[in-house]
Amino acid sequence: MSVQYLERNGEKRASLMARATSGDLTISNKEMADAFAIDPHYDVNQIPLDGLDPSHPALFANDTVWEHFARLRKEDPVHYHKESSVGPYWSVTRYEDIMHVDKNHDIFSSKQSMGGITLGGAPRPEDDAFALPMFIQEDPPKHDAQRRVVTPMFIPRNLADLEPLIRERAGIILDGLPRNEEFDWVQHVSKELTAQMLATLFDVPQEDRMKLVFWSDTVQQLGDPEMFENPEEGFKILFECLAYFTEFYEARKKEPAKFDLISMLAHDESTNNMSPQELLGNIILLIVGGNDTTRNSISGGVLALNQYPKEYEKLLQNPGLIPKMVPEIIRWQTPLAHMARTALQDTMLGGKQIKKGDRLAMWYISGNRDEDYIDKADEFIIDRVNPRTHTAFGYGVHRCVGNRLAEMQLRVMWEEIQKRFSKVEVTGTPVLLNSSFVHGIVELPVTLRD
């Protein structure tokens, strides 16, 4: 096996990166994939440190990224990657360094005009047809003003009102599942509960709920050559999402304010006059935020308990551990693997000189395995003393606005599972998402035991 896990492609590769950095969406996804093809099973310890690049989606799809992060945390926790499929960037892999970047938004910007929150993002003006401006890709004060519009949906009092509905729906979903025969947990449980709740939060027809999941998946697959020839094809689907929500957005401006996310956006002065691109961006943000964290944590918890049968036995013996288990599942899964930032000024981080304009990736998924900060971080333990010590929801002004809703849905789902089944047994090989942003599970074959 070659010790060079990136297959160098000379001038062609450099040309592709220059076009991608400029925001060219006509580049074939297959061209890009071929130029940066890897063998995800290479021995990470056989290549020079400068050859490491944990951003390659194949490492996540094949579940082989963990040794990359372990080596970076040990040898160079703030590491510069000069050449990668997403352009040059710094990997930030330790818990405390991640916390420092996330808390200091005045030094490290999220703005889309500087590259946004994902690796590979190119600076885009808001009037670009393929831009997706959203409040998470803004800095204060605009970020704060727009985030405040939707925050009331997620305060404890309102979440408490939603719990009976979540419990009823979880029960109906679980009661409709086959017993003692294999089926896909992602499709029949994880997607279904999150889709139903998304439709409720937006107050759109339940029969349209899977459209929301489809649009969320489309965003994650824009660069996947198996799904789209180029990102522009994916945006054609996202423009269908825009047309769908524009109709609701404009209609609710003319109606009395209601307690749903579209009405909130339509009636607040910070968000009632958004451009089509900004409306699409913020809708996509709310869909992805409401879909991916919960959906992949519901699936990830089943997988983790099967990988750690002693922990599953603990749960069976003491269902009262579920409230502690929930944040441990979220830490273990880390549904969003990274968030990116751009340095607004020269600064120091982890003893390294970061220059103005440099791109950084906060690898939440690595911070959650940092043994220097989290005891036995590479173990799944459902009765941890401090289970909320994790990076999965971020920090500071950008901390996940719906984190408590995600936790509540996960808690209720497991309470209802424990009432019905002796075990949710993984009986097939999981299929993982080909993405370095969303750490997701595409398929999870399981069999329910009475």
Protein backbone atom coordinates (compact mmCIF):
# COMPACT_ATOMS: atom_id res chain seq x y z
CA MET A 1 0.00 0.00 0.00
CA SER A 2 1.28 3.46 -0.86
CA VAL A 3 2.20 5.66 2.08
CA GLN A 4 0.77 8.58 0.13
CA TYR A 5 -2.96 8.35 0.74
CA LEU A 6 -3.77 11.32 -1.49
CA GLU A 7 -3.24 10.44 -5.12
CA ARG A 8 -1.44 13.50 -6.46
CA ASN A 9 -2.85 14.79 -9.69
CA GLY A 10 -0.54 17.67 -10.48
CA GLU A 11 -1.76 20.65 -12.42
CA LYS A 12 -5.28 19.26 -12.90
CA ARG A 13 -5.78 18.98 -9.16
CA ALA A 14 -4.44 22.49 -8.54
CA SER A 15 -6.74 23.84 -11.25
CA LEU A 16 -9.78 22.12 -9.73
CA MET A 17 -9.00 23.57 -6.30
CA ALA A 18 -8.62 27.07 -7.74
CA ARG A 19 -12.02 26.76 -9.42
CA ALA A 20 -13.65 25.32 -6.29
CA THR A 21 -12.21 28.08 -4.10
CA SER A 22 -13.66 30.67 -6.47
CA GLY A 23 -17.11 29.11 -6.01
CA ASP A 24 -17.39 27.34 -9.37
CA LEU A 25 -20.32 24.91 -9.06
CA THR A 26 -19.89 23.42 -12.53
CA ILE A 27 -16.99 21.20 -11.46
CA SER A 28 -17.98 17.56 -11.76
CA ASN A 29 -18.21 15.82 -8.41
CA LYS A 30 -16.55 12.82 -10.03
CA GLU A 31 -13.63 15.01 -11.19
CA MET A 32 -13.09 16.21 -7.65
CA ALA A 33 -13.49 12.75 -6.13
CA ASP A 34 -11.04 11.22 -8.60
CA ALA A 35 -8.46 13.94 -8.05
CA PHE A 36 -8.53 13.36 -4.28
CA ALA A 37 -9.18 9.62 -4.21
CA ILE A 38 -7.90 7.77 -1.16
CA ASP A 39 -7.63 4.31 0.26
CA PRO A 40 -9.48 4.82 3.55
CA HIS A 41 -7.84 1.72 5.05
CA TYR A 42 -4.23 2.86 4.81
CA ASP A 43 -2.08 2.79 7.96
CA VAL A 44 -2.21 6.34 9.31
CA ASN A 45 1.05 5.83 11.21
CA GLN A 46 3.02 5.06 8.04
CA ILE A 47 2.71 8.49 6.46
CA PRO A 48 4.27 11.84 7.38
CA LEU A 49 2.16 14.07 9.62
CA ASP A 50 1.92 16.64 6.82
CA GLY A 51 0.16 14.02 4.70
CA LEU A 52 -2.76 13.69 7.10
CA ASP A 53 -6.10 15.13 6.06
CA PRO A 54 -9.06 14.05 8.21
CA SER A 55 -11.50 16.07 6.07
CA HIS A 56 -11.85 13.38 3.39
CA PRO A 57 -15.44 12.02 3.42
CA ALA A 58 -14.31 8.44 2.70
CA LEU A 59 -12.65 8.27 6.11
CA PHE A 60 -16.04 8.90 7.71
CA ALA A 61 -17.97 6.59 5.39
CA ASN A 62 -15.51 3.79 6.24
CA ASP A 63 -15.24 4.70 9.95
CA THR A 64 -11.45 4.97 9.71
CA VAL A 65 -11.01 8.60 10.77
CA TRP A 66 -10.43 7.97 14.49
CA GLU A 67 -6.69 7.24 14.30
CA HIS A 68 -6.19 10.46 12.33
CA PHE A 69 -7.62 12.49 15.17
CA ALA A 70 -5.80 10.49 17.84
CA ARG A 71 -2.48 11.15 16.11
CA LEU A 72 -3.22 14.84 15.57
CA ARG A 73 -4.25 15.33 19.22
CA LYS A 74 -1.05 13.65 20.35
CA GLU A 75 1.48 15.08 17.89
CA ASP A 76 0.11 18.37 16.58
CA PRO A 77 -3.32 19.38 17.95
CA VAL A 78 -3.40 22.63 15.93
CA HIS A 79 -2.18 21.36 12.58
CA TYR A 80 -1.94 23.12 9.21
CA HIS A 81 -3.05 21.18 6.15
CA LYS A 82 -1.51 22.96 3.19
CA GLU A 83 -3.16 20.77 0.58
CA SER A 84 -6.53 19.01 0.79
CA SER A 85 -9.74 18.52 -1.16
CA VAL A 86 -11.24 21.45 0.77
CA GLY A 87 -8.28 23.80 0.40
CA PRO A 88 -5.74 24.81 3.07
CA TYR A 89 -6.96 24.85 6.67
CA TRP A 90 -6.00 24.30 10.31
CA SER A 91 -7.28 21.23 12.18
CA VAL A 92 -8.18 22.05 15.79
CA THR A 93 -8.55 18.71 17.54
CA ARG A 94 -8.32 19.20 21.33
CA TYR A 95 -11.26 20.06 23.56
CA GLU A 96 -9.92 23.26 25.10
CA ASP A 97 -8.62 24.69 21.80
CA ILE A 98 -12.01 24.02 20.20
CA MET A 99 -13.71 25.79 23.08
CA HIS A 100 -11.39 28.79 22.67
CA VAL A 101 -12.19 29.17 18.96
CA ASP A 102 -15.93 28.71 19.43
CA LYS A 103 -16.16 31.24 22.27
CA ASN A 104 -14.16 33.96 20.53
CA HIS A 105 -16.41 34.94 17.63
CA ASP A 106 -14.73 38.35 17.54
CA ILE A 107 -11.51 36.62 16.41
CA PHE A 108 -12.90 33.65 14.47
CA SER A 109 -15.72 34.50 12.06
CA SER A 110 -18.59 32.35 10.80
CA LYS A 111 -19.59 34.71 7.99
CA GLN A 112 -20.39 33.18 4.64
CA SER A 113 -18.64 36.07 2.91
CA MET A 114 -15.43 34.71 4.45
CA GLY A 115 -16.05 31.01 3.79
CA GLY A 116 -18.81 30.07 6.24
CA ILE A 117 -19.13 27.19 8.67
CA THR A 118 -18.09 24.18 6.58
CA LEU A 119 -14.74 23.18 5.15
CA GLY A 120 -14.59 23.80 1.42
CA GLY A 121 -16.96 26.74 1.65
CA ALA A 122 -16.00 29.56 -0.71
CA PRO A 123 -16.64 33.22 0.15
CA ARG A 124 -19.94 34.28 -1.44
CA PRO A 125 -21.87 37.55 -1.59
CA GLU A 126 -25.48 37.27 -0.40
CA ASP A 127 -26.85 38.01 -3.87
CA ASP A 128 -25.09 34.97 -5.37
CA ALA A 129 -27.77 32.61 -6.70
CA PHE A 130 -25.99 29.65 -5.09
CA ALA A 131 -25.30 31.30 -1.75
CA LEU A 132 -27.14 30.07 1.35
CA PRO A 133 -26.95 32.97 3.82
CA MET A 134 -28.24 31.93 7.24
CA PHE A 135 -27.88 33.27 10.75
CA ILE A 136 -25.37 30.62 11.79
CA GLN A 137 -23.15 32.01 9.00
CA GLU A 138 -23.34 35.52 10.44
CA ASP A 139 -21.51 37.24 13.28
CA PRO A 140 -23.16 39.46 15.90
CA PRO A 141 -25.16 41.67 15.80
CA LYS A 142 -27.05 40.24 12.77
CA HIS A 143 -26.60 36.68 14.02
CA ASP A 144 -28.03 37.51 17.43
CA ALA A 145 -31.03 39.41 16.05
CA GLN A 146 -32.06 36.59 13.72
CA ARG A 147 -31.36 33.79 16.18
CA ARG A 148 -33.59 35.49 18.76
CA VAL A 149 -36.52 35.18 16.36
CA VAL A 150 -36.68 31.37 16.66
CA THR A 151 -35.30 30.94 20.20
CA PRO A 152 -38.76 31.04 21.91
CA MET A 153 -39.64 27.77 20.22
CA PHE A 154 -36.96 26.01 22.25
CA ILE A 155 -37.36 27.43 25.77
CA PRO A 156 -38.12 24.84 28.51
CA ARG A 157 -41.78 25.80 28.96
CA ASN A 158 -42.59 25.31 25.30
CA LEU A 159 -40.58 22.09 25.07
CA ALA A 160 -42.58 20.72 27.99
CA ASP A 161 -45.75 21.37 25.99
CA LEU A 162 -44.31 19.36 23.08
CA GLU A 163 -43.30 16.32 25.14
CA PRO A 164 -46.72 14.57 25.21
CA LEU A 165 -46.94 14.85 21.40
CA ILE A 166 -43.43 13.46 20.96
CA ARG A 167 -44.22 10.58 23.31
CA GLU A 168 -47.46 9.77 21.49
CA ARG A 169 -45.74 9.77 18.11
CA ALA A 170 -42.79 7.72 19.33
CA GLY A 171 -45.21 5.14 20.72
CA ILE A 172 -47.17 4.90 17.47
CA ILE A 173 -43.96 4.51 15.44
CA LEU A 174 -42.58 1.80 17.72
CA ASP A 175 -45.87 -0.09 17.91
CA GLY A 176 -45.97 -0.28 14.13
CA LEU A 177 -42.58 -1.97 13.75
CA PRO A 178 -42.15 -5.66 12.86
CA ARG A 179 -40.98 -8.03 15.62
CA ASN A 180 -38.23 -10.62 15.16
CA GLU A 181 -37.49 -9.67 11.56
CA GLU A 182 -34.84 -7.34 10.18
CA PHE A 183 -35.66 -3.79 9.05
CA ASP A 184 -33.86 -0.45 8.66
CA TRP A 185 -34.02 1.53 11.91
CA VAL A 186 -32.98 4.79 10.18
CA GLN A 187 -35.81 4.72 7.67
CA HIS A 188 -38.60 3.48 9.92
CA VAL A 189 -37.75 5.16 13.23
CA SER A 190 -35.07 7.86 13.20
CA LYS A 191 -36.25 9.60 10.04
CA GLU A 192 -39.92 9.18 10.85
CA LEU A 193 -39.92 10.80 14.30
CA THR A 194 -37.72 13.74 13.28
CA ALA A 195 -39.73 14.32 10.09
CA GLN A 196 -43.00 14.42 12.02
CA MET A 197 -41.59 16.91 14.51
CA LEU A 198 -40.10 19.12 11.78
CA ALA A 199 -43.49 19.34 10.07
CA THR A 200 -45.02 20.34 13.43
CA LEU A 201 -42.40 23.00 14.15
CA PHE A 202 -42.89 24.54 10.69
CA ASP A 203 -46.67 23.90 10.76
CA VAL A 204 -46.69 22.35 7.30
CA PRO A 205 -48.80 19.31 6.31
CA GLN A 206 -47.62 16.02 7.79
CA GLU A 207 -47.94 14.40 4.37
CA ASP A 208 -45.06 16.66 3.27
CA ARG A 209 -42.76 15.65 6.14
CA MET A 210 -40.44 13.47 4.05
CA LYS A 211 -39.85 16.39 1.69
CA LEU A 212 -38.13 18.13 4.61
CA VAL A 213 -35.86 15.13 5.19
CA PHE A 214 -35.15 14.90 1.44
CA TRP A 215 -34.09 18.55 1.31
CA SER A 216 -31.91 18.10 4.38
CA ASP A 217 -30.23 15.09 2.77
CA THR A 218 -29.75 17.03 -0.48
CA VAL A 219 -27.66 19.67 1.30
CA GLN A 220 -25.34 16.96 2.64
CA GLN A 221 -25.02 15.30 -0.77
CA LEU A 222 -24.17 18.33 -2.93
CA GLY A 223 -20.59 17.10 -3.37
CA ASP A 224 -21.32 13.38 -3.59
CA PRO A 225 -20.58 12.04 -7.09
CA GLU A 226 -22.97 9.13 -6.53
CA MET A 227 -25.85 11.57 -6.07
CA PHE A 228 -25.12 14.59 -8.28
CA GLU A 229 -22.85 15.20 -11.25
CA ASN A 230 -22.08 18.65 -9.81
CA PRO A 231 -23.42 20.83 -6.96
CA GLU A 232 -25.56 22.85 -9.36
CA GLU A 233 -27.79 19.80 -9.86
CA GLY A 234 -28.40 19.63 -6.13
CA PHE A 235 -29.29 23.31 -6.00
CA LYS A 236 -32.10 22.70 -8.50
CA ILE A 237 -33.71 20.54 -5.81
CA LEU A 238 -33.06 23.14 -3.12
CA PHE A 239 -34.81 25.76 -5.26
CA GLU A 240 -37.88 23.50 -5.05
CA CYS A 241 -37.55 23.80 -1.28
CA LEU A 242 -37.40 27.59 -1.66
CA ALA A 243 -40.56 27.68 -3.79
CA TYR A 244 -42.39 25.48 -1.24
CA PHE A 245 -41.53 27.63 1.77
CA THR A 246 -41.88 30.98 -0.01
CA GLU A 247 -45.60 30.27 -0.40
CA PHE A 248 -45.98 29.66 3.36
CA TYR A 249 -43.70 32.60 4.27
CA GLU A 250 -45.65 35.13 2.20
CA ALA A 251 -49.04 33.77 3.32
CA ARG A 252 -48.14 34.00 7.00
CA LYS A 253 -47.09 37.61 6.68
CA LYS A 254 -50.77 38.32 5.95
CA GLU A 255 -52.07 36.20 8.86
CA PRO A 256 -51.99 36.85 12.61
CA ALA A 257 -48.72 35.68 14.18
CA LYS A 258 -48.71 32.01 15.22
CA PHE A 259 -46.29 29.87 17.18
CA ASP A 260 -44.46 28.11 14.37
CA LEU A 261 -41.04 28.72 12.83
CA ILE A 262 -42.28 30.14 9.52
CA SER A 263 -44.67 32.53 11.22
CA MET A 264 -41.89 33.66 13.55
CA LEU A 265 -39.67 34.45 10.57
CA ALA A 266 -42.53 36.16 8.74
CA HIS A 267 -43.49 38.50 11.59
CA ASP A 268 -40.17 39.66 13.05
CA GLU A 269 -38.56 42.78 11.59
CA SER A 270 -35.17 41.02 11.52
CA THR A 271 -36.44 38.30 9.19
CA ASN A 272 -39.67 39.47 7.51
CA ASN A 273 -37.95 40.95 4.47
CA MET A 274 -35.35 38.32 3.62
CA SER A 275 -34.11 37.78 0.07
CA PRO A 276 -34.97 34.43 -1.54
CA GLN A 277 -31.42 33.19 -0.87
CA GLU A 278 -31.57 34.20 2.80
CA LEU A 279 -35.00 32.64 3.27
CA LEU A 280 -33.75 29.39 1.73
CA GLY A 281 -30.58 29.49 3.83
CA ASN A 282 -32.40 29.95 7.12
CA ILE A 283 -35.04 27.34 6.27
CA ILE A 284 -32.29 24.85 5.39
CA LEU A 285 -30.48 25.69 8.63
CA LEU A 286 -33.60 24.96 10.69
CA ILE A 287 -34.37 21.77 8.76
CA VAL A 288 -30.83 20.39 9.02
CA GLY A 289 -30.56 21.44 12.67
CA GLY A 290 -33.85 19.75 13.50
CA ASN A 291 -33.17 16.67 11.43
CA ASP A 292 -29.54 15.61 11.62
CA THR A 293 -28.75 15.92 15.34
CA THR A 294 -31.80 13.99 16.50
CA ARG A 295 -31.98 11.51 13.63
CA ASN A 296 -28.34 10.44 13.83
CA SER A 297 -28.35 10.36 17.62
CA ILE A 298 -31.39 8.06 17.65
CA SER A 299 -29.55 5.73 15.29
CA GLY A 300 -26.15 6.23 16.90
CA GLY A 301 -27.46 5.28 20.34
CA VAL A 302 -28.75 1.93 19.07
CA LEU A 303 -25.41 1.23 17.40
CA ALA A 304 -23.36 2.27 20.45
CA LEU A 305 -25.36 0.10 22.85
CA ASN A 306 -24.85 -2.89 20.57
CA GLN A 307 -21.13 -2.19 20.37
CA TYR A 308 -20.99 -1.99 24.19
CA PRO A 309 -23.26 -4.82 25.40
CA LYS A 310 -22.33 -4.29 29.06
CA GLU A 311 -23.70 -0.76 28.82
CA TYR A 312 -26.88 -2.11 27.21
CA GLU A 313 -27.24 -4.48 30.14
CA LYS A 314 -26.87 -1.54 32.53
CA LEU A 315 -29.73 0.18 30.72
CA LEU A 316 -31.94 -2.91 30.84
CA GLN A 317 -31.33 -3.27 34.56
CA ASN A 318 -31.83 0.44 35.28
CA PRO A 319 -33.91 2.47 32.76
CA GLY A 320 -33.48 5.42 35.15
CA LEU A 321 -30.07 5.93 33.52
CA ILE A 322 -31.68 7.24 30.32
CA PRO A 323 -31.31 10.97 31.22
CA LYS A 324 -27.56 10.43 31.70
CA MET A 325 -27.29 8.20 28.67
CA VAL A 326 -28.76 10.81 26.32
CA PRO A 327 -25.86 13.32 26.43
CA GLU A 328 -23.42 10.41 26.29
CA ILE A 329 -25.06 9.22 23.05
CA ILE A 330 -24.77 12.73 21.62
CA ARG A 331 -21.10 12.96 22.65
CA TRP A 332 -20.37 9.53 21.20
CA GLN A 333 -22.13 10.16 17.91
CA THR A 334 -21.27 13.88 17.53
CA PRO A 335 -23.79 14.45 14.71
CA LEU A 336 -21.90 17.47 13.35
CA ALA A 337 -18.27 16.44 12.98
CA HIS A 338 -16.89 19.93 12.49
CA MET A 339 -17.60 23.63 12.23
CA ALA A 340 -15.31 25.95 10.31
CA ARG A 341 -14.22 29.50 11.07
CA THR A 342 -12.08 32.20 9.44
CA ALA A 343 -9.50 34.19 11.42
CA LEU A 344 -10.29 37.92 11.46
CA GLN A 345 -6.82 38.84 12.71
CA ASP A 346 -3.43 37.35 13.38
CA THR A 347 -3.62 35.32 16.59
CA MET A 348 -2.04 32.45 18.50
CA LEU A 349 -3.74 29.10 19.08
CA GLY A 350 -2.11 26.12 20.71
CA GLY A 351 1.30 27.71 20.24
CA LYS A 352 0.74 28.21 16.48
CA GLN A 353 0.61 31.48 14.57
CA ILE A 354 -2.76 31.78 12.86
CA LYS A 355 -2.83 34.47 10.20
CA LYS A 356 -5.72 36.73 9.26
CA GLY A 357 -7.84 34.98 6.63
CA ASP A 358 -6.76 31.45 7.62
CA ARG A 359 -9.48 28.82 7.72
CA LEU A 360 -9.87 26.56 10.78
CA ALA A 361 -11.90 23.42 11.45
CA MET A 362 -13.08 22.81 14.98
CA TRP A 363 -13.28 19.02 14.96
CA TYR A 364 -16.04 18.52 17.54
CA ILE A 365 -15.83 14.80 16.89
CA SER A 366 -12.17 14.82 17.96
CA GLY A 367 -12.72 17.05 20.99
CA ASN A 368 -15.25 14.51 22.21
CA ARG A 369 -12.51 11.83 22.23
CA ASP A 370 -9.90 14.01 23.99
CA GLU A 371 -8.57 11.86 26.85
CA ASP A 372 -6.88 14.89 28.40
CA TYR A 373 -10.28 16.47 29.08
CA ILE A 374 -12.80 13.59 29.13
CA ASP A 375 -12.06 10.53 31.25
CA LYS A 376 -12.08 7.31 29.19
CA ALA A 377 -13.15 9.34 26.16
CA ASP A 378 -12.84 6.37 23.80
CA GLU A 379 -15.40 4.38 25.78
CA PHE A 380 -19.19 4.60 25.65
CA ILE A 381 -20.36 4.87 29.29
CA ILE A 382 -24.05 5.55 29.95
CA ASP A 383 -23.64 6.52 33.63
CA ARG A 384 -20.85 9.09 33.35
CA VAL A 385 -20.43 11.48 36.28
CA ASN A 386 -20.40 14.55 33.99
CA PRO A 387 -22.18 13.43 30.82
CA ARG A 388 -22.71 16.95 29.48
CA THR A 389 -18.98 17.52 29.11
CA HIS A 390 -18.87 17.37 25.34
CA THR A 391 -18.40 19.58 22.28
CA ALA A 392 -21.28 18.27 20.15
CA PHE A 393 -23.51 21.34 20.55
CA GLY A 394 -20.75 23.94 20.23
CA TYR A 395 -20.13 26.90 22.54
CA GLY A 396 -20.72 30.62 22.77
CA VAL A 397 -23.15 32.55 20.58
CA HIS A 398 -23.43 29.71 18.06
CA ARG A 399 -24.33 26.96 20.55
CA CYS A 400 -27.07 24.78 19.03
CA VAL A 401 -30.38 26.57 19.59
CA GLY A 402 -32.38 23.32 19.55
CA ASN A 403 -30.12 21.23 21.75
CA ARG A 404 -32.73 20.68 24.48
CA LEU A 405 -35.33 19.57 21.94
CA ALA A 406 -32.88 17.05 20.50
CA GLU A 407 -32.15 15.69 23.98
CA MET A 408 -35.85 15.48 24.83
CA GLN A 409 -36.73 13.55 21.68
CA LEU A 410 -33.88 11.13 22.33
CA ARG A 411 -34.88 10.67 25.98
CA VAL A 412 -38.56 10.08 25.16
CA MET A 413 -37.69 7.65 22.36
CA TRP A 414 -35.55 5.52 24.69
CA GLU A 415 -38.16 5.61 27.46
CA GLU A 416 -40.72 4.27 24.99
CA ILE A 417 -38.29 1.67 23.59
CA GLN A 418 -37.65 0.31 27.06
CA LYS A 419 -41.37 -0.13 27.67
CA ARG A 420 -41.72 -2.37 24.62
CA PHE A 421 -38.60 -4.36 23.75
CA SER A 422 -35.98 -6.39 25.53
CA LYS A 423 -33.45 -5.30 22.93
CA VAL A 424 -32.99 -3.45 19.66
CA GLU A 425 -30.35 -5.70 18.15
CA VAL A 426 -28.14 -4.60 15.26
CA THR A 427 -28.25 -7.55 12.87
CA GLY A 428 -26.61 -6.12 9.74
CA THR A 429 -23.76 -3.86 8.67
CA PRO A 430 -24.40 -0.12 9.18
CA VAL A 431 -23.94 2.20 6.21
CA LEU A 432 -22.33 5.50 7.20
CA LEU A 433 -22.72 8.87 5.50
CA ASN A 434 -20.03 9.95 3.05
CA SER A 435 -19.49 13.34 4.72
CA SER A 436 -16.95 15.05 6.95
CA PHE A 437 -19.58 17.54 8.16
CA VAL A 438 -22.59 15.48 9.24
CA HIS A 439 -21.48 12.35 11.08
CA GLY A 440 -24.44 10.28 9.99
CA ILE A 441 -25.82 6.78 9.65
CA VAL A 442 -27.58 6.08 6.36
CA GLU A 443 -28.78 2.54 7.11
CA LEU A 444 -28.92 0.50 10.32
CA PRO A 445 -30.35 -3.03 9.99
CA VAL A 446 -31.90 -4.13 13.30
CA THR A 447 -34.19 -6.80 14.74
CA LEU A 448 -36.49 -6.15 17.68
CA ARG A 449 -36.52 -8.71 20.49
CA ASP A 450 -39.59 -9.05 22.73
